[in-house]
Amino acid sequence: MIPSFSLRQLSYLVAIADHPLAGRPSLSIADLADYDLIAHGVPPSPENARKMIEEAGLSIRIAHMSTNIEVVRSLVARGTGYTTLVQHWPIDVSLEGLPLICKPVTPPAPEYRVVVAWSDTARLSRRAEEFIQFSERMAVWTPGRNAGIATQP
C-alpha cells in the first residue's frame, strides 16, 4: 500500500478586527455585500473569490488586488475591505501588528484538498522527509480551522 495522508482546507473570510460583523461566529458572502474585496492576485485565488461571490448572487467589488499576500492582509487590517483565503497564518495580525478576524464562510465554502503520497519502497530524500513531517504538523496544527489528516498504513 502507498503511504499517504490528506489535508483539507476551507476558504475563510478575513476582515479588520473591529469590523461591525466581527462578533458573529461565521460570516456569509452576502453579509459582506456592501464591502470591497481585497483580492489575492495569484491564481486560483481571484477565480475562487469571484466564484464564491457570484454563487451568492452578488457582483464582485474588487478595491485592490496584489500578488503579495502580506499586502492583502495589511490592506484588510487597515480597513480597506475583506478578503477570502485558504492558507491560515499562525497569528491573526498583519505584518504591522494590526489585528485581523478570521471567520468561516457560511454556508461552507468549497473544500480544498491536498494529498501527500510516496512510494513505500522508495528511499526519501531528507527534504522529502521534512516536507512530509511539516505537512503532517500542519494537518494537526489547524484542526479547528477545518483541516484534517487521514493516514493509510
Protein backbone atom coordinates (compact mmCIF):
# COMPACT_ATOMS: atom_id res chain seq x y z
CA MET A 1 0.00 0.00 0.00
CA ILE A 2 1.19 3.54 -0.74
CA PRO A 3 1.75 5.63 2.42
CA SER A 4 -0.21 8.87 2.23
CA PHE A 5 -2.28 11.41 4.09
CA SER A 6 -4.51 14.26 3.04
CA LEU A 7 -5.06 17.77 4.26
CA ARG A 8 -8.32 19.56 3.66
CA GLN A 9 -8.91 23.25 3.97
CA LEU A 10 -11.90 25.51 3.55
CA SER A 11 -11.88 29.11 2.44
CA TYR A 12 -12.41 31.64 5.19
CA LEU A 13 -13.04 35.37 5.40
CA VAL A 14 -10.60 37.89 6.82
CA ALA A 15 -11.64 41.38 7.96
CA ILE A 16 -10.44 44.17 10.20
CA ALA A 17 -10.72 43.20 13.88
CA ASP A 18 -13.21 45.95 14.75
CA HIS A 19 -15.44 45.19 11.76
CA PRO A 20 -19.14 45.71 12.60
CA LEU A 21 -19.73 41.97 11.97
CA ALA A 22 -16.70 40.77 13.97
CA GLY A 23 -18.82 39.36 16.80
CA ARG A 24 -20.52 36.77 14.63
CA PRO A 25 -19.18 33.21 14.76
CA SER A 26 -19.22 32.98 10.96
CA LEU A 27 -20.00 35.22 8.01
CA SER A 28 -21.66 34.72 4.67
CA ILE A 29 -20.52 36.36 1.47
CA ALA A 30 -23.89 38.17 1.47
CA ASP A 31 -23.00 39.70 4.87
CA LEU A 32 -20.12 41.44 3.15
CA ALA A 33 -22.02 42.61 0.05
CA ASP A 34 -21.56 46.28 1.00
CA TYR A 35 -17.81 45.92 1.49
CA ASP A 36 -14.97 45.85 -1.01
CA LEU A 37 -12.86 42.79 -1.72
CA ILE A 38 -9.10 42.94 -1.39
CA ALA A 39 -8.11 40.15 -3.78
CA HIS A 40 -5.03 37.98 -3.60
CA GLY A 41 -3.96 38.13 -7.23
CA VAL A 42 -2.30 34.72 -7.52
CA PRO A 43 -4.32 32.06 -9.35
CA PRO A 44 -6.56 30.38 -8.44
CA SER A 45 -7.40 32.89 -5.66
CA PRO A 46 -9.12 35.58 -7.79
CA GLU A 47 -11.22 32.99 -9.61
CA ASN A 48 -12.18 31.23 -6.37
CA ALA A 49 -13.25 34.54 -4.79
CA ARG A 50 -15.21 35.54 -7.89
CA LYS A 51 -16.97 32.16 -7.94
CA MET A 52 -17.93 32.32 -4.24
CA ILE A 53 -19.30 35.84 -4.62
CA GLU A 54 -21.23 35.14 -7.82
CA GLU A 55 -22.68 31.91 -6.36
CA ALA A 56 -24.06 34.07 -3.55
CA GLY A 57 -25.88 36.09 -6.23
CA LEU A 58 -23.68 39.16 -5.78
CA SER A 59 -21.43 41.21 -8.00
CA ILE A 60 -17.76 41.25 -7.18
CA ARG A 61 -16.37 44.60 -5.97
CA ILE A 62 -12.59 44.49 -6.06
CA ALA A 63 -11.00 47.53 -4.42
CA HIS A 64 -7.39 46.31 -4.63
CA MET A 65 -5.52 43.28 -5.91
CA SER A 66 -1.99 42.23 -5.00
CA THR A 67 0.12 39.17 -5.65
CA ASN A 68 1.74 39.74 -2.25
CA ILE A 69 -0.41 38.07 0.41
CA GLU A 70 1.03 40.25 3.18
CA VAL A 71 -0.02 43.37 1.26
CA VAL A 72 -3.54 41.90 1.04
CA ARG A 73 -3.60 41.15 4.78
CA SER A 74 -2.20 44.62 5.60
CA LEU A 75 -4.82 46.38 3.46
CA VAL A 76 -7.54 44.36 5.21
CA ALA A 77 -6.06 45.20 8.62
CA ARG A 78 -6.22 48.89 7.68
CA GLY A 79 -9.95 48.60 6.99
CA THR A 80 -9.97 48.90 3.19
CA GLY A 81 -12.04 45.73 2.69
CA TYR A 82 -12.16 42.00 3.33
CA THR A 83 -10.53 39.02 1.66
CA THR A 84 -11.07 35.30 1.23
CA LEU A 85 -8.17 32.94 1.88
CA VAL A 86 -7.45 29.25 2.24
CA GLN A 87 -4.00 29.27 3.85
CA HIS A 88 -4.02 30.08 7.57
CA TRP A 89 -1.40 32.06 9.45
CA PRO A 90 -0.26 31.19 12.97
CA ILE A 91 -1.43 34.58 14.25
CA ASP A 92 -4.28 36.84 13.20
CA VAL A 93 -2.34 40.08 12.85
CA SER A 94 -0.84 41.89 9.87
CA LEU A 95 2.89 42.48 9.44
CA GLU A 96 2.30 45.89 11.04
CA GLY A 97 0.84 44.18 14.11
CA LEU A 98 -2.75 45.23 13.38
CA PRO A 99 -5.35 42.64 14.45
CA LEU A 100 -7.48 40.71 11.97
CA ILE A 101 -10.50 38.46 12.39
CA CYS A 102 -10.76 35.17 10.54
CA LYS A 103 -14.25 33.72 10.16
CA PRO A 104 -15.57 30.60 8.50
CA VAL A 105 -17.82 31.12 5.49
CA THR A 106 -21.49 30.20 5.94
CA PRO A 107 -22.66 28.19 4.12
CA PRO A 108 -19.33 26.39 3.96
CA ALA A 109 -17.15 27.25 1.00
CA PRO A 110 -15.77 24.55 -1.27
CA GLU A 111 -13.20 22.34 0.38
CA TYR A 112 -9.66 22.22 -0.99
CA ARG A 113 -7.67 19.02 -0.56
CA VAL A 114 -4.01 18.20 -0.88
CA VAL A 115 -2.81 14.62 -0.79
CA VAL A 116 0.78 13.79 0.10
CA ALA A 117 1.73 10.31 -1.11
CA TRP A 118 5.01 8.48 -1.60
CA SER A 119 6.17 5.02 -2.54
CA ASP A 120 6.77 2.73 0.42
CA THR A 121 9.69 1.20 -1.49
CA ALA A 122 11.44 4.46 -2.33
CA ARG A 123 14.18 5.97 -0.19
CA LEU A 124 13.08 9.51 0.56
CA SER A 125 15.49 12.42 0.46
CA ARG A 126 15.93 14.48 3.61
CA ARG A 127 13.90 17.29 2.01
CA ALA A 128 11.07 14.91 1.15
CA GLU A 129 11.01 13.56 4.71
CA GLU A 130 11.00 17.10 6.12
CA PHE A 131 8.17 18.10 3.77
CA ILE A 132 6.10 15.10 4.89
CA GLN A 133 6.75 15.91 8.56
CA PHE A 134 5.89 19.58 8.01
CA SER A 135 2.68 18.66 6.19
CA GLU A 136 1.66 16.29 8.98
CA ARG A 137 2.29 19.03 11.58
CA MET A 138 0.19 21.49 9.54
CA ALA A 139 -2.65 18.98 9.37
CA VAL A 140 -2.58 18.63 13.15
CA TRP A 141 -2.00 22.36 13.77
CA THR A 142 -5.18 23.51 12.04
CA PRO A 143 -7.92 21.12 13.22
CA GLY A 144 -10.12 23.95 14.46
CA ARG A 145 -9.87 25.52 11.06
CA ASN A 146 -11.24 22.55 9.16
CA ALA A 147 -8.00 20.79 8.34
CA GLY A 148 -7.80 17.08 8.71
CA ILE A 149 -5.46 14.19 8.35
CA ALA A 150 -6.12 10.67 7.19
CA THR A 151 -3.20 8.27 7.23
CA GLN A 152 -3.04 4.99 5.41
CA PRO A 153 -0.66 2.24 6.64
